[in-house]
C-alpha atoms as a PDB file:
ATOM      1  CA  MET A   1      13.144  68.394  81.156  1.00  0.00           C
ATOM      2  CA  GLN A   2      14.606  65.838  78.537  1.00  0.00           C
ATOM      3  CA  VAL A   3      18.084  66.100  76.552  1.00  0.00           C
ATOM      4  CA  GLN A   4      18.890  63.700  73.820  1.00  0.00           C
ATOM      5  CA  ASN A   5      21.342  64.619  71.291  1.00  0.00           C
ATOM      6  CA  GLY A   6      21.855  67.824  72.957  1.00  0.00           C
ATOM      7  CA  HIS A   7      22.132  69.971  76.159  1.00  0.00           C
ATOM      8  CA  VAL A   8      20.164  72.537  78.304  1.00  0.00           C
ATOM      9  CA  LYS A   9      22.663  74.792  80.207  1.00  0.00           C
ATOM     10  CA  ARG A  10      22.282  78.564  81.183  1.00  0.00           C
ATOM     11  CA  LEU A  11      24.700  81.097  79.886  1.00  0.00           C
ATOM     12  CA  THR A  12      25.366  84.835  79.743  1.00  0.00           C
ATOM     13  CA  ASP A  13      24.050  86.610  76.160  1.00  0.00           C
ATOM     14  CA  ASN A  14      26.098  89.206  74.799  1.00  0.00           C
ATOM     15  CA  GLU A  15      23.403  90.742  73.256  1.00  0.00           C
ATOM     16  CA  VAL A  16      21.599  91.515  76.417  1.00  0.00           C
ATOM     17  CA  ASN A  17      23.826  91.111  78.874  1.00  0.00           C
ATOM     18  CA  SER A  18      21.863  88.609  81.006  1.00  0.00           C
ATOM     19  CA  ILE A  19      21.691  85.003  81.981  1.00  0.00           C
ATOM     20  CA  VAL A  20      20.042  82.578  79.560  1.00  0.00           C
ATOM     21  CA  LEU A  21      18.652  79.588  78.810  1.00  0.00           C
ATOM     22  CA  GLU A  22      19.967  77.448  75.828  1.00  0.00           C
ATOM     23  CA  ILE A  23      17.993  74.497  74.750  1.00  0.00           C
ATOM     24  CA  VAL A  24      20.252  73.054  71.133  1.00  0.00           C
ATOM     25  CA  SER A  25      19.850  69.768  69.944  1.00  0.00           C
ATOM     26  CA  THR A  26      19.833  67.797  66.688  1.00  0.00           C
ATOM     27  CA  ASN A  27      16.323  66.445  67.203  1.00  0.00           C
ATOM     28  CA  VAL A  28      13.677  68.810  67.991  1.00  0.00           C
ATOM     29  CA  ALA A  29      11.314  66.203  69.564  1.00  0.00           C
ATOM     30  CA  THR A  30      13.851  64.974  71.750  1.00  0.00           C
ATOM     31  CA  THR A  31      15.206  67.829  73.729  1.00  0.00           C
ATOM     32  CA  TYR A  32      12.855  69.919  75.584  1.00  0.00           C
ATOM     33  CA  ILE A  33      11.496  71.223  78.821  1.00  0.00           C
ATOM     34  CA  THR A  34       8.310  71.224  80.838  1.00  0.00           C
ATOM     35  CA  CYS A  35       6.561  72.989  83.532  1.00  0.00           C
ATOM     36  CA  PRO A  36       5.293  71.829  86.129  1.00  0.00           C
ATOM     37  CA  ARG A  37       6.607  68.268  86.381  1.00  0.00           C
ATOM     38  CA  ARG A  38       4.792  65.177  86.005  1.00  0.00           C
ATOM     39  CA  ASN A  39       0.945  65.155  85.777  1.00  0.00           C
ATOM     40  CA  GLN A  40       1.033  68.080  87.686  1.00  0.00           C
ATOM     41  CA  VAL A  41      -0.913  72.042  86.491  1.00  0.00           C
ATOM     42  CA  LEU A  42       0.070  75.250  86.318  1.00  0.00           C
ATOM     43  CA  GLY A  43      -3.771  76.380  86.947  1.00  0.00           C
ATOM     44  CA  ILE A  44      -2.731  79.762  85.716  1.00  0.00           C
ATOM     45  CA  LYS A  45      -5.983  82.188  84.353  1.00  0.00           C
ATOM     46  CA  LEU A  46      -4.335  85.059  82.328  1.00  0.00           C
ATOM     47  CA  PRO A  47      -5.058  84.625  78.933  1.00  0.00           C
ATOM     48  CA  PHE A  48      -1.476  86.506  77.615  1.00  0.00           C
ATOM     49  CA  LEU A  49       1.438  83.953  77.382  1.00  0.00           C
ATOM     50  CA  VAL A  50       4.836  86.631  76.539  1.00  0.00           C
ATOM     51  CA  MET A  51       8.132  84.375  75.914  1.00  0.00           C
ATOM     52  CA  ILE A  52      11.362  86.443  75.010  1.00  0.00           C
ATOM     53  CA  VAL A  53      13.457  83.973  72.569  1.00  0.00           C
ATOM     54  CA  LYS A  54      16.307  84.060  70.258  1.00  0.00           C
ATOM     55  CA  ASN A  55      16.331  83.273  66.804  1.00  0.00           C
ATOM     56  CA  LEU A  56      19.085  80.344  66.557  1.00  0.00           C
ATOM     57  CA  LYS A  57      18.309  79.990  63.172  1.00  0.00           C
ATOM     58  CA  ARG A  58      17.486  76.444  63.692  1.00  0.00           C
ATOM     59  CA  TYR A  59      14.176  74.525  63.961  1.00  0.00           C
ATOM     60  CA  PHE A  60      12.239  75.576  67.181  1.00  0.00           C
ATOM     61  CA  SER A  61       8.575  74.948  68.389  1.00  0.00           C
ATOM     62  CA  PHE A  62       6.777  74.778  71.652  1.00  0.00           C
ATOM     63  CA  GLU A  63       3.333  73.752  73.151  1.00  0.00           C
ATOM     64  CA  ILE A  64       0.962  75.129  75.419  1.00  0.00           C
ATOM     65  CA  THR A  65      -1.971  72.613  76.893  1.00  0.00           C
ATOM     66  CA  ILE A  66      -5.161  74.660  78.039  1.00  0.00           C
ATOM     67  CA  LEU A  67      -8.286  73.953  79.617  1.00  0.00           C
ATOM     68  CA  ASP A  68     -11.753  75.421  78.206  1.00  0.00           C
ATOM     69  CA  ASP A  69     -14.933  75.665  79.285  1.00  0.00           C
ATOM     70  CA  LYS A  70     -16.564  72.402  78.177  1.00  0.00           C
ATOM     71  CA  ASN A  71     -13.562  70.886  80.084  1.00  0.00           C
ATOM     72  CA  MET A  72     -11.399  69.352  77.533  1.00  0.00           C
ATOM     73  CA  ARG A  73      -7.669  69.733  77.162  1.00  0.00           C
ATOM     74  CA  ARG A  74      -6.659  71.596  74.131  1.00  0.00           C
ATOM     75  CA  ARG A  75      -2.954  72.150  72.996  1.00  0.00           C
ATOM     76  CA  PHE A  76      -1.236  74.713  70.423  1.00  0.00           C
ATOM     77  CA  ARG A  77       1.864  73.596  68.880  1.00  0.00           C
ATOM     78  CA  ILE A  78       4.025  76.754  66.930  1.00  0.00           C
ATOM     79  CA  SER A  79       6.594  76.008  64.973  1.00  0.00           C
ATOM     80  CA  ASN A  80       9.091  77.552  62.494  1.00  0.00           C
ATOM     81  CA  PHE A  81       9.161  74.624  60.337  1.00  0.00           C
ATOM     82  CA  GLN A  82       5.407  74.767  59.320  1.00  0.00           C
ATOM     83  CA  SER A  83       3.470  76.865  56.538  1.00  0.00           C
ATOM     84  CA  THR A  84       0.181  75.979  57.306  1.00  0.00           C
ATOM     85  CA  THR A  85      -2.382  75.860  59.998  1.00  0.00           C
ATOM     86  CA  LYS A  86      -4.434  72.546  60.983  1.00  0.00           C
ATOM     87  CA  ILE A  87      -6.838  72.569  63.512  1.00  0.00           C
ATOM     88  CA  LYS A  88      -7.624  69.007  65.035  1.00  0.00           C
ATOM     89  CA  PRO A  89      -9.943  68.062  68.115  1.00  0.00           C
ATOM     90  CA  PHE A  90      -6.902  68.175  70.718  1.00  0.00           C
ATOM     91  CA  CYS A  91      -4.281  69.676  69.264  1.00  0.00           C
ATOM     92  CA  THR A  92      -3.724  72.728  66.795  1.00  0.00           C
ATOM     93  CA  THR A  93      -0.800  73.525  64.767  1.00  0.00           C
ATOM     94  CA  MET A  94       0.323  76.734  64.033  1.00  0.00           C
ATOM     95  CA  PRO A  95       3.729  78.459  61.928  1.00  0.00           C
ATOM     96  CA  ILE A  96       5.289  81.303  63.250  1.00  0.00           C
ATOM     97  CA  GLY A  97       8.101  83.298  61.962  1.00  0.00           C
ATOM     98  CA  LEU A  98      10.971  84.460  63.949  1.00  0.00           C
ATOM     99  CA  SER A  99      13.491  87.225  62.879  1.00  0.00           C
ATOM    100  CA  GLY A 100      17.185  87.480  63.203  1.00  0.00           C
ATOM    101  CA  GLY A 101      18.670  88.335  67.359  1.00  0.00           C
ATOM    102  CA  TRP A 102      15.670  88.377  70.171  1.00  0.00           C
ATOM    103  CA  ASN A 103      12.150  88.237  69.667  1.00  0.00           C
ATOM    104  CA  GLN A 104       9.330  88.683  71.926  1.00  0.00           C
ATOM    105  CA  ILE A 105       6.372  86.389  71.261  1.00  0.00           C
ATOM    106  CA  GLN A 106       3.078  87.492  72.018  1.00  0.00           C
ATOM    107  CA  PHE A 107       0.155  84.792  72.717  1.00  0.00           C
ATOM    108  CA  ASN A 108      -3.165  85.283  73.262  1.00  0.00           C
ATOM    109  CA  LEU A 109      -4.508  81.946  74.491  1.00  0.00           C
ATOM    110  CA  ALA A 110      -8.274  83.350  75.206  1.00  0.00           C
ATOM    111  CA  ASP A 111      -8.433  84.545  71.533  1.00  0.00           C
ATOM    112  CA  PHE A 112      -6.866  81.629  69.792  1.00  0.00           C
ATOM    113  CA  THR A 113      -9.306  79.688  71.807  1.00  0.00           C
ATOM    114  CA  LYS A 114     -12.341  80.508  70.662  1.00  0.00           C
ATOM    115  CA  ARG A 115     -11.750  80.745  66.991  1.00  0.00           C
ATOM    116  CA  ALA A 116     -10.054  77.670  67.100  1.00  0.00           C
ATOM    117  CA  TYR A 117     -12.582  75.870  68.996  1.00  0.00           C
ATOM    118  CA  GLY A 118     -15.290  78.268  69.427  1.00  0.00           C
ATOM    119  CA  THR A 119     -15.303  77.823  73.515  1.00  0.00           C
ATOM    120  CA  GLN A 120     -14.066  79.532  76.473  1.00  0.00           C
ATOM    121  CA  PHE A 121     -10.431  80.023  77.955  1.00  0.00           C
ATOM    122  CA  ILE A 122     -10.783  78.797  81.489  1.00  0.00           C
ATOM    123  CA  GLU A 123      -6.458  78.354  82.163  1.00  0.00           C
ATOM    124  CA  THR A 124      -3.156  77.022  81.430  1.00  0.00           C
ATOM    125  CA  LEU A 125      -2.338  73.287  82.078  1.00  0.00           C
ATOM    126  CA  ARG A 126       1.300  72.884  81.031  1.00  0.00           C
ATOM    127  CA  VAL A 127       4.330  74.919  78.735  1.00  0.00           C
ATOM    128  CA  GLN A 128       6.953  72.791  76.846  1.00  0.00           C
ATOM    129  CA  VAL A 129       9.808  74.232  74.946  1.00  0.00           C
ATOM    130  CA  HIS A 130      11.484  72.454  72.555  1.00  0.00           C
ATOM    131  CA  ALA A 131      14.867  73.188  71.109  1.00  0.00           C
ATOM    132  CA  ASN A 132      16.401  75.055  69.378  1.00  0.00           C
ATOM    133  CA  ALA A 133      16.593  78.526  70.984  1.00  0.00           C
ATOM    134  CA  ARG A 134      17.657  80.693  74.153  1.00  0.00           C
ATOM    135  CA  LEU A 135      14.748  81.516  76.272  1.00  0.00           C
ATOM    136  CA  ARG A 136      15.358  84.813  78.604  1.00  0.00           C
ATOM    137  CA  ARG A 137      12.089  85.083  80.112  1.00  0.00           C
ATOM    138  CA  ILE A 138       8.388  83.327  79.685  1.00  0.00           C
ATOM    139  CA  TYR A 139       5.234  84.958  82.124  1.00  0.00           C
ATOM    140  CA  PHE A 140       1.386  85.308  81.668  1.00  0.00           C
ATOM    141  CA  CYS A 141      -0.193  88.809  82.113  1.00  0.00           C
ATOM    142  CA  GLU A 142      -3.679  90.091  81.466  1.00  0.00           C
ATOM    143  CA  ARG A 143      -3.210  92.522  79.213  1.00  0.00           C
ATOM    144  CA  LEU A 144      -0.042  93.737  77.397  1.00  0.00           C
ATOM    145  CA  TYR A 145       2.012  96.475  78.755  1.00  0.00           C
ATOM    146  CA  THR A 146       3.989  98.574  76.825  1.00  0.00           C
ATOM    147  CA  GLU A 147       8.512  98.613  77.174  1.00  0.00           C
ATOM    148  CA  GLU A 148       7.806 101.455  80.189  1.00  0.00           C
ATOM    149  CA  GLU A 149       5.349  99.619  81.731  1.00  0.00           C
ATOM    150  CA  LEU A 150       7.428  96.398  82.435  1.00  0.00           C
ATOM    151  CA  PRO A 151       9.685  95.806  85.011  1.00  0.00           C
ATOM    152  CA  GLN A 152      13.558  95.759  84.292  1.00  0.00           C
ATOM    153  CA  ASP A 153      13.891  91.852  84.280  1.00  0.00           C
ATOM    154  CA  TYR A 154      11.069  91.707  81.558  1.00  0.00           C
ATOM    155  CA  LYS A 155      12.176  94.136  79.441  1.00  0.00           C
ATOM    156  CA  LEU A 156      13.296  92.965  76.029  1.00  0.00           C
ATOM    157  CA  TYR A 157      17.085  95.319  75.368  1.00  0.00           C
ATOM    158  CA  LEU A 158      18.240  95.063  71.781  1.00  0.00           C
ATOM    159  CA  PRO A 159      21.760  96.294  71.361  1.00  0.00           C
ATOM    160  CA  LEU A 160      20.718  99.508  69.534  1.00  0.00           C
ATOM    161  CA  GLU A 161      18.221 100.497  72.070  1.00  0.00           C
ATOM    162  CA  ARG A 162      20.636  99.185  74.899  1.00  0.00           C
ATOM    163  CA  ASN A 163      23.804 101.983  72.576  1.00  0.00           C
ATOM    164  CA  GLN A 164      20.848 105.028  72.714  1.00  0.00           C
ATOM    165  CA  LYS A 165      20.478 104.481  76.479  1.00  0.00           C
ATOM    166  CA  LYS A 166      23.847 104.820  77.249  1.00  0.00           C
ATOM    167  CA  VAL A 167      23.948 107.676  75.059  1.00  0.00           C
ATOM    168  CA  LYS A 168      21.582 109.455  76.919  1.00  0.00           C
ATOM    169  CA  GLU A 169      22.477 108.459  80.548  1.00  0.00           C
ATOM    170  CA  SER A 170      26.223 110.059  79.283  1.00  0.00           C
ATOM    171  CA  LYS A 171      24.160 113.244  77.761  1.00  0.00           C
ATOM    172  CA  LYS A 172      21.961 113.511  81.297  1.00  0.00           C
ATOM    173  CA  VAL A 173      25.717 113.229  82.974  1.00  0.00           C
ATOM    174  CA  GLU A 174      27.107 115.741  81.064  1.00  0.00           C
ATOM    175  CA  LYS A 175      24.015 118.510  81.429  1.00  0.00           C
ATOM    176  CA  SER A 176      24.537 117.681  85.503  1.00  0.00           C
ATOM    177  CA  VAL A 177      27.872 118.296  85.356  1.00  0.00           C
ATOM    178  CA  ASP A 178      27.416 121.555  83.092  1.00  0.00           C
ATOM    179  CA  ASN A 179      24.631 122.736  85.509  1.00  0.00           C
ATOM    180  CA  VAL A 180      26.789 122.327  88.612  1.00  0.00           C
ATOM    181  CA  SER A 181      29.785 123.850  86.920  1.00  0.00           C
ATOM    182  CA  ARG A 182      27.999 127.100  85.929  1.00  0.00           C
ATOM    183  CA  ALA A 183      26.344 126.908  89.639  1.00  0.00           C
ATOM    184  CA  THR A 184      29.958 127.065  91.520  1.00  0.00           C
ATOM    185  CA  ALA A 185      31.227 129.076  88.891  1.00  0.00           C
ATOM    186  CA  PRO A 186      31.345 133.379  88.994  1.00  0.00           C
ATOM    187  CA  PRO A 187      29.461 135.494  86.642  1.00  0.00           C
ATOM    188  CA  PRO A 188      31.787 136.792  83.767  1.00  0.00           C
ATOM    189  CA  PRO A 189      32.998 140.353  84.829  1.00  0.00           C
ATOM    190  CA  PRO A 190      30.764 143.139  82.673  1.00  0.00           C
ATOM    191  CA  THR A 191      32.115 144.174  79.108  1.00  0.00           C
ATOM    192  CA  PRO A 192      33.340 148.229  79.957  1.00  0.00           C
ATOM    193  CA  PRO A 193      30.859 149.976  77.265  1.00  0.00           C
ATOM    194  CA  LYS A 194      32.467 151.442  73.873  1.00  0.00           C
ATOM    195  CA  PRO A 195      33.138 155.096  73.694  1.00  0.00           C
ATOM    196  CA  PRO A 196      31.110 157.251  71.241  1.00  0.00           C
ATOM    197  CA  THR A 197      32.543 158.122  68.309  1.00  0.00           C
ATOM    198  CA  PRO A 198      32.727 161.872  67.610  1.00  0.00           C
ATOM    199  CA  PRO A 199      30.133 163.065  64.697  1.00  0.00           C
ATOM    200  CA  LYS A 200      31.856 163.814  61.556  1.00  0.00           C
ATOM    201  CA  PRO A 201      32.182 167.689  60.581  1.00  0.00           C
ATOM    202  CA  PRO A 202      29.481 168.216  57.755  1.00  0.00           C
ATOM    203  CA  THR A 203      31.325 168.337  54.313  1.00  0.00           C
ATOM    204  CA  PRO A 204      31.210 172.274  52.898  1.00  0.00           C
ATOM    205  CA  PRO A 205      28.966 172.272  49.704  1.00  0.00           C
ATOM    206  CA  VAL A 206      31.521 172.977  46.321  1.00  0.00           C
ATOM    207  CA  GLU A 207      30.178 175.597  43.715  1.00  0.00           C
ATOM    208  CA  VAL A 208      30.440 174.096  40.389  1.00  0.00           C
ATOM    209  CA  GLU A 209      30.419 176.819  37.573  1.00  0.00           C
ATOM    210  CA  PRO A 210      28.392 175.872  34.457  1.00  0.00           C
ATOM    211  CA  LEU A 211      30.739 174.633  31.094  1.00  0.00           C
ATOM    212  CA  ASN A 212      30.482 176.415  27.787  1.00  0.00           C
ATOM    213  CA  THR A 213      29.004 179.827  28.855  1.00  0.00           C
ATOM    214  CA  SER A 214      29.094 182.172  26.279  1.00  0.00           C
ATOM    215  CA  PRO A 215      30.682 185.536  27.286  1.00  0.00           C
ATOM    216  CA  LYS A 216      27.437 187.253  26.898  1.00  0.00           C
ATOM    217  CA  GLU A 217      26.008 185.279  29.552  1.00  0.00           C
ATOM    218  CA  GLN A 218      29.186 185.798  31.559  1.00  0.00           C
ATOM    219  CA  ILE A 219      29.240 189.352  31.755  1.00  0.00           C
ATOM    220  CA  SER A 220      25.421 189.438  32.346  1.00  0.00           C
ATOM    221  CA  ARG A 221      26.339 187.484  35.298  1.00  0.00           C
ATOM    222  CA  ASN A 222      28.739 189.683  36.395  1.00  0.00           C
ATOM    223  CA  VAL A 223      26.820 192.445  35.690  1.00  0.00           C
ATOM    224  CA  SER A 224      23.716 191.351  37.878  1.00  0.00           C
ATOM    225  CA  GLU A 225      25.988 190.037  40.793  1.00  0.00           C
ATOM    226  CA  HIS A 226      27.197 193.576  41.254  1.00  0.00           C
ATOM    227  CA  THR A 227      23.813 195.787  40.767  1.00  0.00           C
ATOM    228  CA  VAL A 228      22.443 197.135  43.716  1.00  0.00           C
ATOM    229  CA  PRO A 229      18.904 197.322  43.853  1.00  0.00           C
ATOM    230  CA  PRO A 230      17.140 200.619  43.587  1.00  0.00           C
ATOM    231  CA  THR A 231      15.741 202.599  46.351  1.00  0.00           C
ATOM    232  CA  LEU A 232      12.161 203.502  46.320  1.00  0.00           C
ATOM    233  CA  THR A 233      12.670 207.056  45.050  1.00  0.00           C
ATOM    234  CA  ASP A 234      13.956 205.583  42.131  1.00  0.00           C
ATOM    235  CA  ILE A 235      11.590 203.454  41.116  1.00  0.00           C
ATOM    236  CA  THR A 236       8.792 205.601  38.887  1.00  0.00           C
ATOM    237  CA  ASP A 237       7.288 201.912  37.313  1.00  0.00           C
ATOM    238  CA  GLU A 238       3.971 200.583  39.549  1.00  0.00           C
ATOM    239  CA  ASN A 239       4.994 197.725  38.756  1.00  0.00           C
ATOM    240  CA  PRO A 240       8.501 197.389  39.473  1.00  0.00           C
ATOM    241  CA  PRO A 241      10.559 194.255  38.021  1.00  0.00           C
ATOM    242  CA  SER A 242      10.371 190.620  39.617  1.00  0.00           C
ATOM    243  CA  THR A 243      14.060 189.816  38.617  1.00  0.00           C
ATOM    244  CA  ASN A 244      17.525 190.985  38.734  1.00  0.00           C
ATOM    245  CA  GLU A 245      17.678 190.985  34.566  1.00  0.00           C
ATOM    246  CA  GLU A 246      14.151 192.810  34.189  1.00  0.00           C
ATOM    247  CA  HIS A 247      15.859 195.449  36.694  1.00  0.00           C
ATOM    248  CA  PHE A 248      19.087 195.472  34.245  1.00  0.00           C
ATOM    249  CA  GLU A 249      17.200 195.682  31.026  1.00  0.00           C
ATOM    250  CA  MET A 250      15.145 198.978  32.141  1.00  0.00           C
ATOM    251  CA  ASN A 251      18.242 200.716  33.752  1.00  0.00           C
ATOM    252  CA  GLY A 252      20.225 199.836  30.778  1.00  0.00           C
ATOM    253  CA  GLU A 253      17.408 201.514  28.516  1.00  0.00           C
ATOM    254  CA  LYS A 254      17.388 204.796  31.061  1.00  0.00           C
ATOM    255  CA  ASP A 255      21.247 205.226  30.479  1.00  0.00           C
ATOM    256  CA  MET A 256      20.947 205.038  26.649  1.00  0.00           C
ATOM    257  CA  ALA A 257      17.867 207.912  26.738  1.00  0.00           C
ATOM    258  CA  ASP A 258      19.881 209.551  28.876  1.00  0.00           C
ATOM    259  CA  ALA A 259      23.009 209.684  26.760  1.00  0.00           C
ATOM    260  CA  THR A 260      20.861 210.400  23.613  1.00  0.00           C
ATOM    261  CA  ARG A 261      19.285 213.334  25.508  1.00  0.00           C
ATOM    262  CA  ALA A 262      22.581 214.799  26.359  1.00  0.00           C
ATOM    263  CA  GLU A 263      24.199 213.963  23.005  1.00  0.00           C
ATOM    264  CA  GLU A 264      21.486 216.174  21.512  1.00  0.00           C
ATOM    265  CA  GLU A 265      21.357 218.619  23.868  1.00  0.00           C
ATOM    266  CA  LYS A 266      25.022 219.234  23.188  1.00  0.00           C
ATOM    267  CA  GLU A 267      24.845 219.063  19.222  1.00  0.00           C
ATOM    268  CA  GLU A 268      22.275 222.373  19.987  1.00  0.00           C
ATOM    269  CA  LEU A 269      24.856 223.962  21.963  1.00  0.00           C
ATOM    270  CA  VAL A 270      27.433 222.968  19.273  1.00  0.00           C
ATOM    271  CA  GLU A 271      24.827 224.532  16.725  1.00  0.00           C
ATOM    272  CA  ASP A 272      23.678 227.926  18.845  1.00  0.00           C
ATOM    273  CA  ASP A 273      27.639 228.466  18.971  1.00  0.00           C
ATOM    274  CA  LEU A 274      28.058 228.134  15.277  1.00  0.00           C
ATOM    275  CA  ALA A 275      24.740 230.463  14.808  1.00  0.00           C
ATOM    276  CA  LYS A 276      26.437 233.048  17.168  1.00  0.00           C
ATOM    277  CA  PRO A 277      29.373 234.552  14.683  1.00  0.00           C
ATOM    278  CA  GLU A 278      27.214 234.139  12.017  1.00  0.00           C
ATOM    279  CA  GLU A 279      24.543 236.857  13.556  1.00  0.00           C
ATOM    280  CA  GLU A 280      27.619 238.633  14.262  1.00  0.00           C
ATOM    281  CA  SER A 281      29.093 238.541  10.987  1.00  0.00           C
ATOM    282  CA  GLN A 282      25.525 239.731  10.040  1.00  0.00           C
ATOM    283  CA  HIS A 283      25.399 242.290  12.373  1.00  0.00           C
ATOM    284  CA  ASP A 284      28.609 243.864  11.354  1.00  0.00           C
ATOM    285  CA  ASP A 285      28.103 244.082   7.707  1.00  0.00           C
ATOM    286  CA  ASP A 286      24.488 245.967   8.532  1.00  0.00           C
ATOM    287  CA  LEU A 287      26.488 248.391  10.564  1.00  0.00           C
ATOM    288  CA  GLU A 288      29.104 248.655   7.869  1.00  0.00           C
ATOM    289  CA  LYS A 289      25.901 249.644   5.360  1.00  0.00           C
ATOM    290  CA  ILE A 290      24.516 251.655   7.969  1.00  0.00           C
END
């Protein structure tokens, strides 16, 4: 570790609620931490390097020294103040863009070694982190893992994810409390059945008399209602009337014929009565003559 015009200290970050290492300096090159010490080597053969870093919106850089299959030491320098990638025989410089807040940097050492130098990655020798940043974790892995697969200390918790997790935990607690209360509470009493409603009595049909009927139609309707159908002995026609109106017409014609016949008989009787005195008078005259 080397510090000049800056500081390296441990503190608690409010966003991740965890202890982090802060590296701050006015000069990026003069303040840094390195692992391992002096001329020692790490000897880590895992190809992926993962760093959980907080962007302080200042210049920041880190270096990784590796050994390839040609027994050559190669160095990768990554920084946020460079815009182009430069490949040299022993050092490669690359730009990096960090978003605001906490970032997770995933570095594939085997892939970069093959693309930059055409050799195979063997192992990592040294890691050096310069100012200005906050470090939470630096670890190597054989492959990239999801958040669910990582241990608790290697996860990156953003404020939104933390709040969502708290909300989910509170919902789980509420559900468990509701389940316990439902299990302990007695079942509600059954509701009594409603009495059946009595059926409504049917309304009697209303007879409506037709409007604007002539007197003749009313008389004919009343006569047809009060006429008594004839018995079998009174019916002389082979085809009896099918309706009351036809029956009424036939009875009317019969009555008129009877009335005319009776009048004729009365006239004949009157004529006979008139003729008898004349005959008697003639007979008396004949007697007188004799």
